[in-house]
Protein backbone atom coordinates (compact mmCIF):
# COMPACT_ATOMS: atom_id res chain seq x y z
CA MET A 1 108.85 116.78 136.16
CA SER A 2 112.31 116.04 134.81
CA ILE A 3 113.64 116.25 131.28
CA GLY A 4 117.14 115.07 132.14
CA ALA A 5 120.24 116.47 133.81
CA PRO A 6 122.18 119.19 131.96
CA GLY A 7 125.11 116.82 131.37
CA THR A 8 122.80 114.25 129.81
CA LEU A 9 121.19 116.83 127.54
CA VAL A 10 124.60 118.05 126.40
CA ARG A 11 125.66 114.48 125.57
CA MET A 12 122.41 114.00 123.64
CA GLY A 13 123.11 117.13 121.60
CA VAL A 14 126.72 116.20 120.82
CA LEU A 15 125.70 112.63 120.00
CA ALA A 16 122.95 113.83 117.66
CA LEU A 17 125.37 116.18 115.87
CA LEU A 18 128.06 113.54 115.40
CA TRP A 19 125.65 110.77 114.43
CA GLY A 20 123.58 113.06 112.22
CA SER A 21 126.64 114.11 110.24
CA GLY A 22 127.64 110.45 109.90
CA PHE A 23 125.18 109.95 107.05
CA LEU A 24 126.98 112.63 105.06
CA TRP A 25 130.39 111.06 105.78
CA ILE A 26 129.13 107.65 104.70
CA LYS A 27 127.86 109.08 101.42
CA LEU A 28 131.20 110.75 100.75
CA ALA A 29 133.19 107.66 101.75
CA LEU A 30 131.22 105.54 99.28
CA THR A 31 132.57 107.65 96.41
CA GLY A 32 135.82 105.69 96.68
CA LEU A 33 135.22 102.72 98.99
CA PRO A 34 132.71 99.83 98.90
CA PRO A 35 130.28 99.37 101.83
CA VAL A 36 132.02 96.62 103.80
CA GLN A 37 135.37 98.39 103.60
CA VAL A 38 133.73 101.54 104.98
CA THR A 39 132.28 99.44 107.81
CA VAL A 40 135.59 97.75 108.69
CA ILE A 41 137.60 100.97 108.59
CA ARG A 42 135.16 102.94 110.74
CA CYS A 43 135.03 100.14 113.32
CA ALA A 44 138.81 99.81 113.42
CA LEU A 45 139.38 103.56 113.77
CA GLY A 46 136.69 103.85 116.43
CA ALA A 47 138.25 100.97 118.36
CA ALA A 48 141.70 102.57 118.13
CA VAL A 49 140.39 105.85 119.58
CA LEU A 50 138.68 104.08 122.46
CA LEU A 51 141.71 101.89 123.19
CA VAL A 52 143.83 105.01 123.60
CA LEU A 53 141.20 106.66 125.81
CA SER A 54 140.77 103.54 127.94
CA ARG A 55 144.53 103.31 128.46
CA TRP A 56 144.62 106.97 129.46
CA ALA A 57 141.70 106.45 131.88
CA GLY A 58 143.30 103.37 133.42
CA GLN A 59 140.56 101.03 132.20
CA HIS A 60 141.33 97.53 130.97
CA LEU A 61 139.66 95.31 128.38
CA PRO A 62 137.25 92.81 129.94
CA ARG A 63 138.23 89.23 130.61
CA GLY A 64 136.18 86.07 130.55
CA ARG A 65 134.17 84.23 127.94
CA ARG A 66 130.83 85.38 129.33
CA ILE A 67 131.42 89.09 128.78
CA TRP A 68 133.04 88.55 125.38
CA GLY A 69 130.07 86.44 124.35
CA ARG A 70 127.77 89.33 125.22
CA LEU A 71 130.04 91.72 123.36
CA LEU A 72 129.77 89.50 120.30
CA VAL A 73 125.98 89.90 120.28
CA ALA A 74 126.15 93.64 120.92
CA ALA A 75 128.83 94.17 118.27
CA PHE A 76 126.74 92.40 115.67
CA PHE A 77 123.48 94.29 116.28
CA CYS A 78 124.94 97.68 117.22
CA ASN A 79 127.88 97.86 114.80
CA ALA A 80 128.63 95.25 112.18
CA LEU A 81 125.07 94.78 110.87
CA PRO A 82 123.69 98.35 110.98
CA PHE A 83 126.95 99.94 109.78
CA ALA A 84 126.96 97.65 106.75
CA LEU A 85 123.23 98.19 106.11
CA PHE A 86 123.63 101.96 106.20
CA SER A 87 126.51 101.82 103.73
CA ILE A 88 124.59 99.47 101.44
CA GLY A 89 121.45 101.59 101.69
CA GLU A 90 123.25 104.82 100.86
CA LEU A 91 124.50 103.38 97.59
CA THR A 92 121.03 104.16 96.21
CA VAL A 93 119.36 106.37 98.84
CA ASP A 94 120.10 109.96 99.88
CA SER A 95 121.84 110.59 103.19
CA GLY A 96 118.80 112.54 104.42
CA VAL A 97 116.60 109.50 103.90
CA ALA A 98 119.13 107.45 105.87
CA GLY A 99 118.68 109.82 108.79
CA VAL A 100 114.92 109.44 108.61
CA MET A 101 115.07 105.64 108.53
CA ASN A 102 117.47 105.62 111.48
CA ALA A 103 115.03 107.82 113.39
CA THR A 104 112.52 104.96 113.53
CA THR A 105 114.78 103.37 116.18
CA PRO A 106 112.92 104.86 119.19
CA LEU A 107 109.62 103.32 118.06
CA TRP A 108 111.21 99.88 117.65
CA SER A 109 113.02 100.35 120.96
CA LEU A 110 109.75 101.17 122.73
CA LEU A 111 108.00 98.12 121.26
CA ILE A 112 110.90 95.84 122.20
CA GLY A 113 111.06 97.31 125.70
CA ILE A 114 107.35 96.66 126.23
CA GLY A 115 107.64 93.16 124.79
CA ILE A 116 110.55 92.03 126.98
CA GLY A 117 109.44 93.97 130.05
CA THR A 118 112.45 96.26 130.39
CA GLU A 119 110.77 99.60 129.68
CA ARG A 120 110.64 102.00 132.61
CA ARG A 121 108.78 105.27 133.21
CA LEU A 122 106.43 104.57 130.31
CA THR A 123 103.75 107.27 130.57
CA VAL A 124 101.02 108.53 128.28
CA VAL A 125 103.06 111.68 127.63
CA ARG A 126 106.18 109.73 126.63
CA VAL A 127 104.27 107.48 124.25
CA GLY A 128 102.61 110.57 122.79
CA GLY A 129 106.05 112.09 122.31
CA LEU A 130 107.25 109.04 120.40
CA ILE A 131 104.22 109.19 118.12
CA LEU A 132 104.58 112.94 117.64
CA GLY A 133 108.27 112.55 116.85
CA PHE A 134 107.54 109.98 114.18
CA ALA A 135 104.90 112.29 112.71
CA GLY A 136 107.53 115.02 112.50
CA ILE A 137 109.89 112.65 110.71
CA LEU A 138 107.18 111.87 108.17
CA LEU A 139 106.65 115.60 107.70
CA ILE A 140 110.35 116.08 106.98
CA PHE A 141 110.50 113.08 104.68
CA ALA A 142 107.13 113.64 102.97
CA PRO A 143 106.97 110.15 101.44
CA TRP A 144 103.80 111.10 99.56
CA GLU A 145 105.97 113.38 97.41
CA LYS A 146 108.59 110.79 96.45
CA SER A 147 108.67 107.45 94.65
CA GLY A 148 110.65 104.29 95.27
CA LEU A 149 110.28 104.47 99.06
CA LEU A 150 110.17 100.68 99.42
CA GLY A 151 113.32 99.98 97.43
CA TRP A 152 116.07 97.71 98.69
CA GLY A 153 118.14 100.67 99.85
CA THR A 154 115.36 102.00 102.07
CA LEU A 155 114.63 98.54 103.46
CA ALA A 156 118.31 98.13 104.33
CA LEU A 157 118.21 101.44 106.20
CA LEU A 158 115.04 100.46 108.03
CA GLY A 159 116.69 97.17 109.02
CA ALA A 160 119.58 99.15 110.47
CA GLY A 161 117.18 101.12 112.67
CA ILE A 162 115.61 97.91 113.98
CA SER A 163 119.06 96.46 114.62
CA TYR A 164 119.97 99.50 116.70
CA ALA A 165 116.82 99.11 118.77
CA ILE A 166 117.66 95.47 119.52
CA ALA A 167 121.19 96.49 120.45
CA PHE A 168 120.07 99.29 122.80
CA ALA A 169 117.79 96.93 124.71
CA TYR A 170 120.44 94.21 124.92
CA MET A 171 123.25 96.56 125.94
CA GLY A 172 121.11 98.25 128.58
CA LYS A 173 120.33 94.88 130.16
CA LYS A 174 123.54 92.90 129.66
CA LEU A 175 126.49 95.28 129.36
CA VAL A 176 125.87 98.46 131.36
CA GLY A 177 127.82 98.23 134.63
CA GLU A 178 130.13 95.48 133.36
CA GLY A 179 133.24 97.59 133.75
CA GLY A 180 134.72 100.82 132.50
CA PRO A 181 132.53 102.15 129.66
CA ILE A 182 135.47 103.21 127.51
CA ALA A 183 137.12 99.78 127.70
CA ILE A 184 133.80 98.04 127.07
CA SER A 185 133.17 100.26 124.05
CA ALA A 186 136.67 99.56 122.72
CA ALA A 187 136.18 95.82 123.16
CA GLN A 188 132.84 95.94 121.35
CA LEU A 189 134.27 97.84 118.38
CA LEU A 190 137.23 95.45 118.22
CA THR A 191 134.74 92.62 118.03
CA ALA A 192 132.73 94.45 115.38
CA THR A 193 135.90 94.98 113.33
CA GLY A 194 136.52 91.24 113.31
CA LEU A 195 132.92 90.44 112.42
CA SER A 196 132.87 92.98 109.58
CA ALA A 197 136.21 91.76 108.21
CA LEU A 198 134.69 88.32 107.71
CA ALA A 199 132.43 89.86 105.04
CA LEU A 200 135.24 91.51 103.06
CA PRO A 201 135.50 88.66 100.50
CA PHE A 202 131.80 89.17 99.70
CA ASP A 203 131.99 92.97 99.28
CA ALA A 204 131.11 93.04 95.60
CA ALA A 205 129.43 96.45 95.52
CA PRO A 206 131.05 98.77 92.95
CA ALA A 207 132.98 101.81 94.12
CA GLY A 208 134.63 104.68 92.32
CA PRO A 209 138.40 105.19 92.31
CA LEU A 210 139.90 105.85 95.73
CA ASN A 211 140.03 109.60 96.36
CA VAL A 212 141.02 112.06 99.07
CA THR A 213 137.40 112.92 99.88
CA ALA A 214 136.52 109.29 100.55
CA VAL A 215 139.59 108.77 102.74
CA LEU A 216 139.00 111.90 104.81
CA ALA A 217 135.29 111.07 105.15
CA VAL A 218 135.90 107.56 106.46
CA VAL A 219 138.55 108.84 108.89
CA VAL A 220 136.16 111.44 110.34
CA LEU A 221 133.42 108.80 110.41
CA GLY A 222 135.63 106.35 112.30
CA ILE A 223 137.16 108.72 114.83
CA PHE A 224 134.26 111.03 115.63
CA GLY A 225 131.17 109.35 114.20
CA THR A 226 132.06 105.98 115.72
CA GLY A 227 134.65 106.16 118.51
CA VAL A 228 133.45 109.28 120.31
CA THR A 229 129.73 108.66 119.77
CA PHE A 230 129.96 105.09 121.01
CA TYR A 231 131.17 106.19 124.42
CA LEU A 232 128.51 108.89 124.63
CA ASN A 233 125.86 106.31 123.70
CA TYR A 234 126.92 104.00 126.53
CA ARG A 235 126.67 106.89 128.97
CA LEU A 236 123.14 107.69 127.82
CA ILE A 237 122.02 104.08 128.13
CA ALA A 238 123.49 103.94 131.64
CA ASP A 239 121.91 107.23 132.74
CA GLU A 240 118.53 107.16 131.03
CA GLY A 241 117.71 103.64 129.82
CA ALA A 242 117.49 102.12 126.35
CA THR A 243 114.43 103.94 124.99
CA SER A 244 115.49 107.37 126.20
CA ALA A 245 118.92 106.87 124.66
CA ALA A 246 117.29 105.82 121.39
CA THR A 247 115.31 109.09 121.23
CA VAL A 248 118.53 110.72 120.02
CA GLY A 249 117.55 109.16 116.70
CA TYR A 250 114.77 111.74 116.40
CA LEU A 251 117.36 114.51 116.18
CA LEU A 252 119.36 112.85 113.40
CA PRO A 253 117.08 113.85 110.50
CA VAL A 254 117.17 117.43 111.78
CA VAL A 255 120.98 117.37 111.66
CA SER A 256 121.14 115.54 108.33
CA VAL A 257 118.64 117.87 106.65
CA ALA A 258 120.41 120.94 108.02
CA LEU A 259 123.79 119.69 106.78
CA GLY A 260 122.25 118.96 103.41
CA ALA A 261 121.09 122.56 103.17
CA ILE A 262 124.39 124.03 104.38
CA VAL A 263 126.90 121.72 102.69
CA LEU A 264 125.01 120.52 99.61
CA GLY A 265 122.74 123.50 99.04
CA GLU A 266 119.52 121.48 99.38
CA ASP A 267 116.24 123.36 99.71
CA LEU A 268 115.03 123.89 103.28
CA GLY A 269 111.36 124.79 102.85
CA PRO A 270 108.59 125.57 105.37
CA ARG A 271 107.48 121.93 105.50
CA VAL A 272 110.95 120.74 106.54
CA LEU A 273 111.30 123.48 109.15
CA ALA A 274 107.88 122.57 110.57
CA GLY A 275 108.91 118.91 110.68
CA MET A 276 112.06 119.79 112.62
CA ALA A 277 109.99 121.70 115.18
CA VAL A 278 107.60 118.75 115.60
CA VAL A 279 110.53 116.33 115.99
CA LEU A 280 112.12 118.46 118.70
CA LEU A 281 108.79 118.74 120.54
CA GLY A 282 108.39 114.97 120.36
CA VAL A 283 111.85 114.44 121.82
CA ALA A 284 111.08 116.85 124.65
CA LEU A 285 107.89 114.94 125.50
CA THR A 286 109.71 111.60 125.53
CA ARG A 287 112.06 113.12 128.12
CA TYR A 288 109.11 114.00 130.39
CA VAL A 289 109.01 112.05 133.64
CA ARG A 290 106.37 112.56 136.35
CA SER A 291 107.35 112.12 139.98
CA SER A 292 104.26 109.98 140.43
CA ALA A 293 103.80 106.79 138.44
CA SER A 294 100.02 106.86 138.82
CA ARG A 295 99.48 107.38 135.09
CA SER A 296 102.01 104.85 133.87
CA ILE A 297 100.86 102.60 131.08
CA SER A 298 102.87 99.76 132.54
CA ASN A 299 105.06 99.28 135.57
CA PRO A 300 108.50 100.80 135.09
CA SER A 301 111.11 98.12 134.77
CA CYS A 302 114.41 98.24 136.57
CA GLN A 303 117.48 98.68 134.41
CA PRO A 304 120.74 97.34 135.83
CA SER A 305 122.26 99.73 138.30
CA PRO A 306 125.15 101.21 136.37
CA SER A 307 128.59 101.40 137.96
CA VAL A 308 129.96 103.51 135.18
CA SER A 309 133.10 105.48 135.96
CA ARG A 310 132.62 109.17 135.19
CA SER A 311 135.72 109.58 133.08
């Protein structure tokens, strides 16, 4: 049995913390900035961080139309589209709900992986973990206690989760091993900045007056919630595959709910605590890998052999 190397588990934890807090930063940024502006700024700041890191690590931006064409697809599905959808969704939906909707990514990722034949190490236990994790998310969210679940804001957030799943599968197959991960990440965020900027003339969503809270929130979101997390995400995809990397999404509602209780004073009742425990158990099961593939539901697929520099 293996549940992942210590370094991988640490990266998963840091990634979950940074991504989970991102929903709070988005909500605060929207108090003074419209959604597309939040998207453009976070992409630009994230790209700037990664450009500095890639220069320090001696990595160079990729060259050639083929790789930049792939980056265009990845930037759209992993950055420009979901970032905008999250910002649009959080105009009317709580940040905790955004975390829950994002946590559907592993289920979509699993279905996509099965459909395109790229899923590996797919066992009964892992599938059970995915189902259990989703049950824990439902327990946290308790949709039977709330109204308006199928509003436009929630649908936008759900679309963002699906977009992430598409991106994880595509990046795992087309971009991992294509050069230094920091430089590739920087190039992708540069591309996403350009794509998002094209939508600025259509950013008609109302925003409050620009304020210090909104500025600080979008800066933290761009530097830590985008730049740093993007590199960690590439490392997880390279080490563990697309679906395993996407299981980080199960930890996001735990982080978002906890931050809501600590920062915003939201109630953290027994039901929510039980949901967190179920989510964590589900994540642990999805990390389970048997040495024998005799009980695999389908043949494990081969991800590209990553030649990622360990910077």
